[in-house]
Each structure stands twice: as C-alpha cells, then as structure tokens.
Amino acid sequence: MLALLTAAVLTATFQPYHPGADAVTHVPERVPVGARASVMSLPVGGRTAVVLLVTGLRPGSHYGAHVHVRPCGPRPADSGPHFQHVPDPVQPSVDPAYANPRNEVWLDLTTDAAGTGIASSVVDWTFADRPAASVVLHEHHTQVGGSAARGWPASDSADTPRGPPSLYKRRRR
C-alpha cells in the first residue's frame, strides 16, 4: 500500500470487476457487493503500520488478508503473490523463512455480528521503492506450514493507495 511522513488511506466499496473498480469481489457469498474496506498505511521510523477495517461482510466469519504485489483484476490471481519484504525466489511462496508475519503484512480478522472486522500489522520495514498494489481478503485465517501463508485462491481485493517509496495511493489491482 510508502515512505511518506503522513498516513495514506483508501476506502472502497466491493463490486464486481470492471476497469477502474477500487475493490473487487470474486466471491460475493463471502464478500458481498456493497461491503466496504478501509486500508491505512503509516510508515514511521523505518517501520510500517497497516490497518484494515471492513464492514458489510458475513457476520462471525474468519478472513485472512494480505498485501499483494499487483492490483485487483478480473481474475483473483491477477493480484499476484503476497508482498514480501525479502522476496522468496520460489513462487508461490510456501517457505516459512519467507512466508511469515515478519516478511509479509498479515491482517487476519474475524467479523462481529454486524459483519465488521478490524486487523492491524506492524512490520520492521517500509515498502520503499517497491510499493504494494492491493490488499486481498482470503477465505480463512493465514495458515503456516506445508502451504505456508495461504488463503483461498478466489480472493477479493481492494487496491491500495500507493505513493512514493512505501505503501498506498489509489491504484487498481
């Protein structure tokens, strides 16, 4: 989602894919059309805090969420792999040495009775010259192990705000 001195924020409403959409749902049973997501990135002192707030999702549901390297597109895979501070040379990344919450931004959440959820992550790095392009919601919380950090292949995403060296400024996934 920047090595700026100020926070970058994006709020978007999930909808079916169309060019210019800021948040795309590929699985409307899990992420209904009209659900909303807000993503904030704040780089401070060589670290980055990322906060995700979602509303209008299925009540009492678990979601994994991660920053991805490409913008949202017509197909779930268009968002590419998870953004990794130190990229795994083998993709998709299943090696826990790379697929871990110190090297990726993990934003797992559970929605409340109203379908609202919030997650945050602080990493000891900034996005520098490799800005991220989207935040993707996955069907389950992140699992580490044989499949390392994996969610479901059909994901729903919101493009991140993207800017100079660190994280967000509106960009399509």
N, C-alpha and C. Protein backbone atom coordinates (compact mmCIF):
# COMPACT_ATOMS: atom_id res chain seq x y z
N MET A 1 0.60 -0.76 0.00
CA MET A 1 0.00 0.00 0.00
C MET A 1 0.83 1.05 0.00
N LEU A 2 4.52 3.23 1.47
CA LEU A 2 5.09 4.47 1.08
C LEU A 2 6.11 4.99 2.07
N ALA A 3 7.04 5.46 1.78
CA ALA A 3 7.97 6.05 2.72
C ALA A 3 7.63 7.52 2.87
N LEU A 4 6.40 7.80 3.17
CA LEU A 4 5.95 9.17 3.37
C LEU A 4 6.02 9.50 4.85
N LEU A 5 5.84 10.74 5.16
CA LEU A 5 5.79 11.14 6.55
C LEU A 5 4.35 11.21 7.06
N THR A 6 3.39 10.98 6.19
CA THR A 6 1.99 11.04 6.59
C THR A 6 1.30 9.73 6.23
N ALA A 7 0.17 9.49 6.85
CA ALA A 7 -0.60 8.27 6.60
C ALA A 7 -1.25 8.34 5.23
N ALA A 8 -1.41 7.18 4.62
CA ALA A 8 -2.14 7.07 3.36
C ALA A 8 -3.34 6.19 3.64
N VAL A 9 -4.52 6.60 3.16
CA VAL A 9 -5.75 5.87 3.46
C VAL A 9 -6.55 5.69 2.18
N LEU A 10 -7.15 4.50 2.04
CA LEU A 10 -8.07 4.23 0.94
C LEU A 10 -9.32 3.60 1.53
N THR A 11 -10.48 4.08 1.13
CA THR A 11 -11.75 3.45 1.47
C THR A 11 -12.45 3.14 0.16
N ALA A 12 -12.94 1.90 0.03
CA ALA A 12 -13.57 1.49 -1.23
C ALA A 12 -14.72 0.54 -0.94
N THR A 13 -15.63 0.44 -1.92
CA THR A 13 -16.79 -0.45 -1.84
C THR A 13 -16.60 -1.61 -2.80
N PHE A 14 -16.79 -2.83 -2.29
CA PHE A 14 -16.62 -4.02 -3.14
C PHE A 14 -17.71 -4.09 -4.19
N GLN A 15 -17.31 -4.47 -5.39
CA GLN A 15 -18.22 -4.60 -6.52
C GLN A 15 -17.65 -5.63 -7.48
N PRO A 16 -18.45 -6.10 -8.43
CA PRO A 16 -17.89 -6.98 -9.45
C PRO A 16 -16.80 -6.23 -10.21
N TYR A 17 -15.88 -6.98 -10.77
CA TYR A 17 -14.79 -6.35 -11.51
C TYR A 17 -15.30 -5.51 -12.68
N HIS A 18 -14.72 -4.34 -12.81
CA HIS A 18 -14.83 -3.53 -14.01
C HIS A 18 -13.63 -2.59 -13.98
N PRO A 19 -13.13 -2.19 -15.14
CA PRO A 19 -11.97 -1.30 -15.13
C PRO A 19 -12.26 -0.07 -14.27
N GLY A 20 -11.33 0.24 -13.39
CA GLY A 20 -11.49 1.39 -12.52
C GLY A 20 -12.06 1.08 -11.15
N ALA A 21 -12.54 -0.15 -10.93
CA ALA A 21 -13.07 -0.52 -9.61
C ALA A 21 -11.94 -0.49 -8.58
N ASP A 22 -12.21 0.06 -7.41
CA ASP A 22 -11.20 0.12 -6.35
C ASP A 22 -11.24 -1.08 -5.42
N ALA A 23 -12.36 -1.79 -5.37
CA ALA A 23 -12.47 -3.01 -4.55
C ALA A 23 -13.31 -4.00 -5.34
N VAL A 24 -12.78 -5.19 -5.51
CA VAL A 24 -13.40 -6.20 -6.37
C VAL A 24 -13.78 -7.42 -5.54
N THR A 25 -15.00 -7.92 -5.72
CA THR A 25 -15.38 -9.18 -5.10
C THR A 25 -15.48 -10.25 -6.18
N HIS A 26 -14.79 -11.35 -5.93
CA HIS A 26 -14.85 -12.52 -6.81
C HIS A 26 -15.73 -13.60 -6.20
N VAL A 27 -16.02 -13.47 -4.90
CA VAL A 27 -16.82 -14.46 -4.18
C VAL A 27 -17.88 -13.69 -3.37
N PRO A 28 -18.95 -13.26 -4.03
CA PRO A 28 -19.93 -12.41 -3.33
C PRO A 28 -20.64 -13.08 -2.16
N GLU A 29 -20.59 -14.42 -2.09
CA GLU A 29 -21.17 -15.10 -0.92
C GLU A 29 -20.34 -14.79 0.33
N ARG A 30 -19.06 -14.52 0.17
CA ARG A 30 -18.18 -14.20 1.30
C ARG A 30 -17.95 -12.71 1.46
N VAL A 31 -17.83 -12.02 0.34
CA VAL A 31 -17.61 -10.58 0.34
C VAL A 31 -18.69 -9.97 -0.55
N PRO A 32 -19.83 -9.61 0.03
CA PRO A 32 -20.96 -9.13 -0.76
C PRO A 32 -20.68 -7.81 -1.48
N VAL A 33 -21.32 -7.66 -2.61
CA VAL A 33 -21.30 -6.37 -3.30
C VAL A 33 -21.86 -5.34 -2.31
N GLY A 34 -21.18 -4.23 -2.18
CA GLY A 34 -21.59 -3.20 -1.23
C GLY A 34 -20.82 -3.22 0.08
N ALA A 35 -20.12 -4.33 0.38
CA ALA A 35 -19.25 -4.35 1.56
C ALA A 35 -18.16 -3.30 1.35
N ARG A 36 -17.59 -2.82 2.45
CA ARG A 36 -16.58 -1.75 2.33
C ARG A 36 -15.30 -2.14 3.05
N ALA A 37 -14.19 -1.58 2.57
CA ALA A 37 -12.90 -1.79 3.20
C ALA A 37 -12.17 -0.46 3.26
N SER A 38 -11.50 -0.23 4.36
CA SER A 38 -10.61 0.92 4.51
C SER A 38 -9.24 0.38 4.88
N VAL A 39 -8.23 0.85 4.20
CA VAL A 39 -6.86 0.42 4.46
C VAL A 39 -6.02 1.66 4.72
N MET A 40 -5.23 1.60 5.78
CA MET A 40 -4.33 2.71 6.10
C MET A 40 -2.92 2.19 6.25
N SER A 41 -1.98 2.91 5.71
CA SER A 41 -0.57 2.59 5.87
C SER A 41 0.13 3.81 6.46
N LEU A 42 0.98 3.56 7.44
CA LEU A 42 1.70 4.65 8.08
C LEU A 42 3.15 4.23 8.31
N PRO A 43 4.08 4.74 7.51
CA PRO A 43 5.49 4.46 7.74
C PRO A 43 6.06 5.42 8.78
N VAL A 44 6.74 4.87 9.78
CA VAL A 44 7.33 5.68 10.83
C VAL A 44 8.65 5.06 11.27
N GLY A 45 9.70 5.80 11.19
CA GLY A 45 10.99 5.36 11.72
C GLY A 45 11.45 4.02 11.19
N GLY A 46 11.32 3.78 9.90
CA GLY A 46 11.78 2.53 9.32
C GLY A 46 10.82 1.36 9.50
N ARG A 47 9.70 1.62 10.13
CA ARG A 47 8.66 0.59 10.31
C ARG A 47 7.41 1.03 9.58
N THR A 48 6.48 0.09 9.36
CA THR A 48 5.21 0.43 8.72
C THR A 48 4.07 -0.23 9.49
N ALA A 49 3.05 0.57 9.80
CA ALA A 49 1.82 0.06 10.40
C ALA A 49 0.75 0.05 9.31
N VAL A 50 0.02 -1.05 9.22
CA VAL A 50 -1.08 -1.17 8.26
C VAL A 50 -2.32 -1.58 9.05
N VAL A 51 -3.43 -0.89 8.79
CA VAL A 51 -4.70 -1.19 9.45
C VAL A 51 -5.74 -1.45 8.37
N LEU A 52 -6.54 -2.50 8.57
CA LEU A 52 -7.63 -2.84 7.67
C LEU A 52 -8.93 -2.86 8.46
N LEU A 53 -9.93 -2.12 7.98
CA LEU A 53 -11.26 -2.12 8.58
C LEU A 53 -12.24 -2.53 7.48
N VAL A 54 -13.06 -3.54 7.75
CA VAL A 54 -14.06 -3.99 6.78
C VAL A 54 -15.44 -3.92 7.41
N THR A 55 -16.44 -3.63 6.58
CA THR A 55 -17.83 -3.62 7.03
C THR A 55 -18.69 -4.29 5.97
N GLY A 56 -19.79 -4.87 6.40
CA GLY A 56 -20.71 -5.48 5.45
C GLY A 56 -20.35 -6.88 5.00
N LEU A 57 -19.40 -7.52 5.69
CA LEU A 57 -19.04 -8.90 5.36
C LEU A 57 -19.97 -9.85 6.11
N ARG A 58 -19.80 -11.14 5.89
CA ARG A 58 -20.62 -12.13 6.59
C ARG A 58 -20.33 -12.08 8.08
N PRO A 59 -21.35 -12.00 8.92
CA PRO A 59 -21.14 -11.96 10.37
C PRO A 59 -20.46 -13.23 10.88
N GLY A 60 -19.60 -13.06 11.88
CA GLY A 60 -18.96 -14.19 12.54
C GLY A 60 -18.08 -15.02 11.62
N SER A 61 -17.46 -14.42 10.64
CA SER A 61 -16.64 -15.15 9.68
C SER A 61 -15.17 -14.80 9.83
N HIS A 62 -14.32 -15.77 9.50
CA HIS A 62 -12.87 -15.59 9.56
C HIS A 62 -12.36 -15.28 8.16
N TYR A 63 -11.44 -14.32 8.08
CA TYR A 63 -10.81 -13.94 6.82
C TYR A 63 -9.32 -13.78 7.05
N GLY A 64 -8.55 -14.20 6.08
CA GLY A 64 -7.15 -13.84 6.04
C GLY A 64 -7.06 -12.63 5.14
N ALA A 65 -6.07 -11.79 5.33
CA ALA A 65 -5.88 -10.66 4.44
C ALA A 65 -4.39 -10.36 4.38
N HIS A 66 -3.93 -10.04 3.19
CA HIS A 66 -2.52 -9.77 2.98
C HIS A 66 -2.36 -8.67 1.94
N VAL A 67 -1.24 -7.98 2.01
CA VAL A 67 -0.86 -7.03 0.97
C VAL A 67 -0.32 -7.86 -0.20
N HIS A 68 -0.73 -7.50 -1.41
CA HIS A 68 -0.27 -8.20 -2.63
C HIS A 68 0.48 -7.26 -3.55
N VAL A 69 1.21 -7.83 -4.51
CA VAL A 69 2.12 -7.06 -5.34
C VAL A 69 1.49 -6.40 -6.56
N ARG A 70 0.33 -6.87 -6.99
CA ARG A 70 -0.30 -6.30 -8.18
C ARG A 70 -1.72 -5.86 -7.86
N PRO A 71 -2.28 -5.00 -8.71
CA PRO A 71 -3.65 -4.52 -8.47
C PRO A 71 -4.70 -5.58 -8.75
N CYS A 72 -5.92 -5.33 -8.28
CA CYS A 72 -7.06 -6.21 -8.49
C CYS A 72 -7.34 -6.30 -9.99
N GLY A 73 -7.90 -7.42 -10.38
CA GLY A 73 -8.22 -7.59 -11.79
C GLY A 73 -9.44 -8.46 -11.97
N PRO A 74 -9.73 -8.85 -13.21
CA PRO A 74 -10.91 -9.66 -13.47
C PRO A 74 -10.81 -11.07 -12.90
N ARG A 75 -9.58 -11.55 -12.67
CA ARG A 75 -9.38 -12.87 -12.09
C ARG A 75 -8.70 -12.73 -10.74
N PRO A 76 -9.03 -13.59 -9.79
CA PRO A 76 -8.41 -13.49 -8.47
C PRO A 76 -6.88 -13.52 -8.50
N ALA A 77 -6.31 -14.31 -9.38
CA ALA A 77 -4.85 -14.43 -9.42
C ALA A 77 -4.16 -13.17 -9.94
N ASP A 78 -4.92 -12.24 -10.49
CA ASP A 78 -4.32 -11.03 -11.06
C ASP A 78 -3.57 -10.21 -10.02
N SER A 79 -3.91 -10.36 -8.75
CA SER A 79 -3.24 -9.58 -7.71
C SER A 79 -1.83 -10.09 -7.40
N GLY A 80 -1.47 -11.23 -7.97
CA GLY A 80 -0.13 -11.76 -7.75
C GLY A 80 0.08 -12.29 -6.35
N PRO A 81 1.32 -12.55 -6.01
CA PRO A 81 1.62 -13.11 -4.68
C PRO A 81 1.59 -12.06 -3.59
N HIS A 82 1.72 -12.54 -2.36
CA HIS A 82 1.84 -11.64 -1.22
C HIS A 82 3.08 -10.76 -1.41
N PHE A 83 2.95 -9.51 -0.99
CA PHE A 83 4.13 -8.64 -0.96
C PHE A 83 5.06 -9.18 0.11
N GLN A 84 6.33 -9.38 -0.23
CA GLN A 84 7.32 -9.84 0.74
C GLN A 84 8.47 -8.84 0.77
N HIS A 85 8.87 -8.45 1.97
CA HIS A 85 10.00 -7.53 2.12
C HIS A 85 11.24 -8.15 1.47
N VAL A 86 11.51 -9.39 1.79
CA VAL A 86 12.56 -10.16 1.12
C VAL A 86 11.84 -11.21 0.29
N PRO A 87 11.78 -11.02 -1.03
CA PRO A 87 11.00 -11.93 -1.87
C PRO A 87 11.57 -13.35 -1.90
N ASP A 88 10.69 -14.31 -1.77
CA ASP A 88 11.04 -15.72 -1.93
C ASP A 88 11.35 -15.94 -3.41
N PRO A 89 12.48 -16.55 -3.74
CA PRO A 89 12.78 -16.79 -5.16
C PRO A 89 11.85 -17.82 -5.79
N VAL A 90 11.14 -18.57 -4.95
CA VAL A 90 10.21 -19.59 -5.46
C VAL A 90 8.79 -19.10 -5.16
N GLN A 91 7.99 -18.95 -6.21
CA GLN A 91 6.59 -18.52 -6.06
C GLN A 91 5.67 -19.57 -6.64
N PRO A 92 4.52 -19.87 -6.04
CA PRO A 92 4.06 -19.19 -4.82
C PRO A 92 4.91 -19.58 -3.63
N SER A 93 5.05 -18.65 -2.73
CA SER A 93 5.92 -18.83 -1.57
C SER A 93 5.25 -19.73 -0.54
N VAL A 94 5.92 -20.83 -0.22
CA VAL A 94 5.43 -21.72 0.84
C VAL A 94 6.50 -21.95 1.90
N ASP A 95 7.63 -21.32 1.75
CA ASP A 95 8.75 -21.47 2.67
C ASP A 95 8.54 -20.53 3.86
N PRO A 96 8.38 -21.08 5.08
CA PRO A 96 8.16 -20.22 6.25
C PRO A 96 9.28 -19.22 6.50
N ALA A 97 10.45 -19.42 5.89
CA ALA A 97 11.52 -18.43 6.03
C ALA A 97 11.13 -17.12 5.33
N TYR A 98 10.24 -17.20 4.35
CA TYR A 98 9.77 -16.01 3.62
C TYR A 98 8.30 -15.70 3.92
N ALA A 99 7.49 -16.73 3.99
CA ALA A 99 6.04 -16.57 4.21
C ALA A 99 5.79 -16.55 5.72
N ASN A 100 5.97 -15.37 6.31
CA ASN A 100 5.79 -15.22 7.75
C ASN A 100 5.40 -13.77 8.04
N PRO A 101 4.86 -13.50 9.22
CA PRO A 101 4.37 -12.14 9.52
C PRO A 101 5.46 -11.10 9.72
N ARG A 102 6.72 -11.49 9.71
CA ARG A 102 7.81 -10.51 9.77
C ARG A 102 8.21 -10.06 8.37
N ASN A 103 7.93 -10.90 7.36
CA ASN A 103 8.33 -10.61 5.99
C ASN A 103 7.14 -10.21 5.10
N GLU A 104 5.93 -10.42 5.58
CA GLU A 104 4.70 -10.08 4.87
C GLU A 104 3.79 -9.30 5.82
N VAL A 105 2.77 -8.66 5.27
CA VAL A 105 1.77 -7.99 6.10
C VAL A 105 0.57 -8.92 6.22
N TRP A 106 0.34 -9.44 7.42
CA TRP A 106 -0.78 -10.35 7.69
C TRP A 106 -1.84 -9.59 8.45
N LEU A 107 -3.06 -9.61 7.93
CA LEU A 107 -4.17 -8.85 8.51
C LEU A 107 -5.38 -9.75 8.74
N ASP A 108 -5.19 -10.88 9.39
CA ASP A 108 -6.31 -11.79 9.65
C ASP A 108 -7.33 -11.14 10.58
N LEU A 109 -8.61 -11.42 10.32
CA LEU A 109 -9.66 -10.84 11.15
C LEU A 109 -10.86 -11.76 11.24
N THR A 110 -11.68 -11.53 12.23
CA THR A 110 -12.96 -12.21 12.41
C THR A 110 -14.02 -11.14 12.53
N THR A 111 -15.07 -11.25 11.73
CA THR A 111 -16.12 -10.23 11.77
C THR A 111 -17.04 -10.45 12.97
N ASP A 112 -17.63 -9.35 13.43
CA ASP A 112 -18.57 -9.41 14.54
C ASP A 112 -19.98 -9.71 14.01
N ALA A 113 -20.97 -9.60 14.86
CA ALA A 113 -22.35 -9.91 14.49
C ALA A 113 -22.90 -8.98 13.40
N ALA A 114 -22.26 -7.83 13.22
CA ALA A 114 -22.70 -6.89 12.18
C ALA A 114 -21.88 -7.02 10.89
N GLY A 115 -20.91 -7.95 10.88
CA GLY A 115 -20.08 -8.11 9.68
C GLY A 115 -18.92 -7.14 9.60
N THR A 116 -18.53 -6.58 10.74
CA THR A 116 -17.43 -5.62 10.80
C THR A 116 -16.21 -6.30 11.40
N GLY A 117 -15.04 -6.01 10.86
CA GLY A 117 -13.81 -6.56 11.40
C GLY A 117 -12.67 -5.58 11.23
N ILE A 118 -11.67 -5.71 12.09
CA ILE A 118 -10.50 -4.83 12.01
C ILE A 118 -9.26 -5.66 12.30
N ALA A 119 -8.19 -5.33 11.61
CA ALA A 119 -6.92 -6.01 11.83
C ALA A 119 -5.80 -4.98 11.63
N SER A 120 -4.68 -5.24 12.28
CA SER A 120 -3.53 -4.36 12.09
C SER A 120 -2.26 -5.20 12.10
N SER A 121 -1.23 -4.64 11.50
CA SER A 121 0.06 -5.30 11.45
C SER A 121 1.13 -4.21 11.46
N VAL A 122 2.20 -4.46 12.18
CA VAL A 122 3.35 -3.56 12.16
C VAL A 122 4.55 -4.38 11.76
N VAL A 123 5.24 -3.93 10.73
CA VAL A 123 6.44 -4.63 10.26
C VAL A 123 7.65 -3.72 10.41
N ASP A 124 8.82 -4.31 10.52
CA ASP A 124 10.05 -3.56 10.76
C ASP A 124 10.72 -3.13 9.45
N TRP A 125 9.92 -2.70 8.49
CA TRP A 125 10.42 -2.25 7.20
C TRP A 125 9.37 -1.37 6.54
N THR A 126 9.77 -0.66 5.50
CA THR A 126 8.83 0.15 4.73
C THR A 126 8.75 -0.44 3.33
N PHE A 127 7.79 0.01 2.56
CA PHE A 127 7.62 -0.50 1.22
C PHE A 127 8.65 0.07 0.25
N ALA A 128 9.37 1.09 0.66
CA ALA A 128 10.47 1.68 -0.08
C ALA A 128 10.16 1.85 -1.56
N ASP A 129 11.03 1.34 -2.42
CA ASP A 129 10.86 1.55 -3.86
C ASP A 129 10.01 0.46 -4.51
N ARG A 130 9.43 -0.44 -3.72
CA ARG A 130 8.57 -1.50 -4.25
C ARG A 130 7.19 -1.36 -3.63
N PRO A 131 6.43 -0.36 -4.03
CA PRO A 131 5.11 -0.19 -3.42
C PRO A 131 4.18 -1.36 -3.72
N ALA A 132 3.35 -1.66 -2.77
CA ALA A 132 2.35 -2.72 -2.94
C ALA A 132 1.18 -2.17 -3.73
N ALA A 133 0.31 -3.08 -4.22
CA ALA A 133 -0.77 -2.62 -5.09
C ALA A 133 -2.16 -2.94 -4.57
N SER A 134 -2.30 -3.89 -3.64
CA SER A 134 -3.65 -4.26 -3.20
C SER A 134 -3.59 -4.96 -1.86
N VAL A 135 -4.75 -5.02 -1.22
CA VAL A 135 -4.95 -5.86 -0.05
C VAL A 135 -6.00 -6.87 -0.45
N VAL A 136 -5.70 -8.15 -0.25
CA VAL A 136 -6.59 -9.23 -0.68
C VAL A 136 -7.15 -9.95 0.53
N LEU A 137 -8.48 -10.15 0.52
CA LEU A 137 -9.14 -10.95 1.55
C LEU A 137 -9.18 -12.39 1.09
N HIS A 138 -8.83 -13.30 1.99
CA HIS A 138 -8.87 -14.73 1.71
C HIS A 138 -9.93 -15.38 2.60
N GLU A 139 -10.35 -16.57 2.24
CA GLU A 139 -11.45 -17.25 2.91
C GLU A 139 -11.16 -17.63 4.36
N HIS A 140 -9.91 -17.91 4.70
CA HIS A 140 -9.56 -18.38 6.04
C HIS A 140 -8.41 -17.57 6.59
N HIS A 141 -8.24 -17.63 7.90
CA HIS A 141 -7.06 -17.04 8.51
C HIS A 141 -5.82 -17.67 7.89
N THR A 142 -4.73 -16.94 7.96
CA THR A 142 -3.46 -17.41 7.39
C THR A 142 -3.02 -18.68 8.10
N GLN A 143 -2.56 -19.63 7.32
CA GLN A 143 -2.03 -20.88 7.86
C GLN A 143 -0.58 -21.00 7.44
N VAL A 144 0.25 -21.39 8.38
CA VAL A 144 1.67 -21.55 8.09
C VAL A 144 1.99 -23.03 8.16
N GLY A 145 2.86 -23.46 7.29
CA GLY A 145 3.26 -24.86 7.29
C GLY A 145 3.46 -25.32 5.87
N GLY A 146 2.95 -26.51 5.55
CA GLY A 146 3.12 -27.07 4.22
C GLY A 146 2.65 -26.12 3.15
N SER A 147 1.60 -25.38 3.42
CA SER A 147 1.15 -24.43 2.42
C SER A 147 1.53 -23.00 2.82
N ALA A 148 2.38 -22.88 3.81
CA ALA A 148 2.84 -21.59 4.32
C ALA A 148 1.68 -20.63 4.47
N ALA A 149 1.81 -19.44 3.95
CA ALA A 149 0.77 -18.43 4.14
C ALA A 149 -0.20 -18.49 2.97
N ARG A 150 -1.28 -19.20 3.14
CA ARG A 150 -2.24 -19.37 2.05
C ARG A 150 -3.64 -19.06 2.51
N GLY A 151 -4.38 -18.48 1.64
CA GLY A 151 -5.80 -18.27 1.83
C GLY A 151 -6.51 -19.06 0.75
N TRP A 152 -7.61 -18.56 0.25
CA TRP A 152 -8.26 -19.28 -0.84
C TRP A 152 -7.85 -18.63 -2.14
N PRO A 153 -7.85 -19.40 -3.23
CA PRO A 153 -7.39 -18.82 -4.48
C PRO A 153 -8.35 -17.76 -5.00
N ALA A 154 -9.64 -17.92 -4.77
CA ALA A 154 -10.59 -16.91 -5.22
C ALA A 154 -10.65 -15.84 -4.16
N SER A 155 -9.97 -14.73 -4.38
CA SER A 155 -9.89 -13.70 -3.36
C SER A 155 -10.57 -12.42 -3.79
N ASP A 156 -10.84 -11.60 -2.83
CA ASP A 156 -11.46 -10.31 -3.06
C ASP A 156 -10.48 -9.26 -2.62
N SER A 157 -10.40 -8.19 -3.36
CA SER A 157 -9.32 -7.28 -3.10
C SER A 157 -9.73 -5.82 -3.19
N ALA A 158 -8.95 -5.03 -2.50
CA ALA A 158 -9.09 -3.58 -2.58
C ALA A 158 -7.73 -3.04 -2.96
N ASP A 159 -7.70 -2.19 -3.96
CA ASP A 159 -6.43 -1.61 -4.33
C ASP A 159 -5.99 -0.66 -3.24
N THR A 160 -4.68 -0.60 -3.09
CA THR A 160 -4.15 0.22 -2.03
C THR A 160 -3.80 1.60 -2.54
N PRO A 161 -3.82 2.53 -1.64
CA PRO A 161 -3.32 3.82 -2.02
C PRO A 161 -1.83 3.60 -2.26
N ARG A 162 -1.26 4.28 -3.15
CA ARG A 162 0.12 3.99 -3.49
C ARG A 162 0.87 5.29 -3.68
N GLY A 163 2.07 5.34 -3.29
CA GLY A 163 2.80 6.56 -3.44
C GLY A 163 4.27 6.32 -3.45
N PRO A 164 5.06 7.31 -3.32
CA PRO A 164 6.50 7.19 -3.38
C PRO A 164 6.94 6.00 -2.56
N PRO A 165 7.99 5.94 -1.98
CA PRO A 165 8.52 4.67 -1.53
C PRO A 165 7.78 3.79 -0.58
N SER A 166 6.62 3.90 -0.14
CA SER A 166 6.18 2.95 0.85
C SER A 166 4.87 2.30 0.56
N LEU A 167 3.78 2.80 0.85
CA LEU A 167 2.58 1.99 0.66
C LEU A 167 1.45 2.63 -0.10
N TYR A 168 0.51 3.22 0.14
CA TYR A 168 -0.73 3.40 -0.59
C TYR A 168 -0.96 4.65 -1.41
N LYS A 169 -1.56 4.58 -2.46
CA LYS A 169 -2.18 5.67 -3.24
C LYS A 169 -3.06 4.92 -4.20
N ARG A 170 -4.19 5.38 -4.45
CA ARG A 170 -5.20 4.63 -5.20
C ARG A 170 -4.62 4.02 -6.48
N ARG A 171 -4.67 2.74 -6.57
CA ARG A 171 -4.16 2.01 -7.73
C ARG A 171 -4.98 0.75 -7.90
N ARG A 172 -5.27 0.33 -9.08
CA ARG A 172 -6.14 -0.83 -9.32
C ARG A 172 -5.39 -2.13 -9.25
N ARG A 173 -6.05 -3.18 -8.79
CA ARG A 173 -5.43 -4.49 -8.62
C ARG A 173 -5.80 -5.40 -9.72
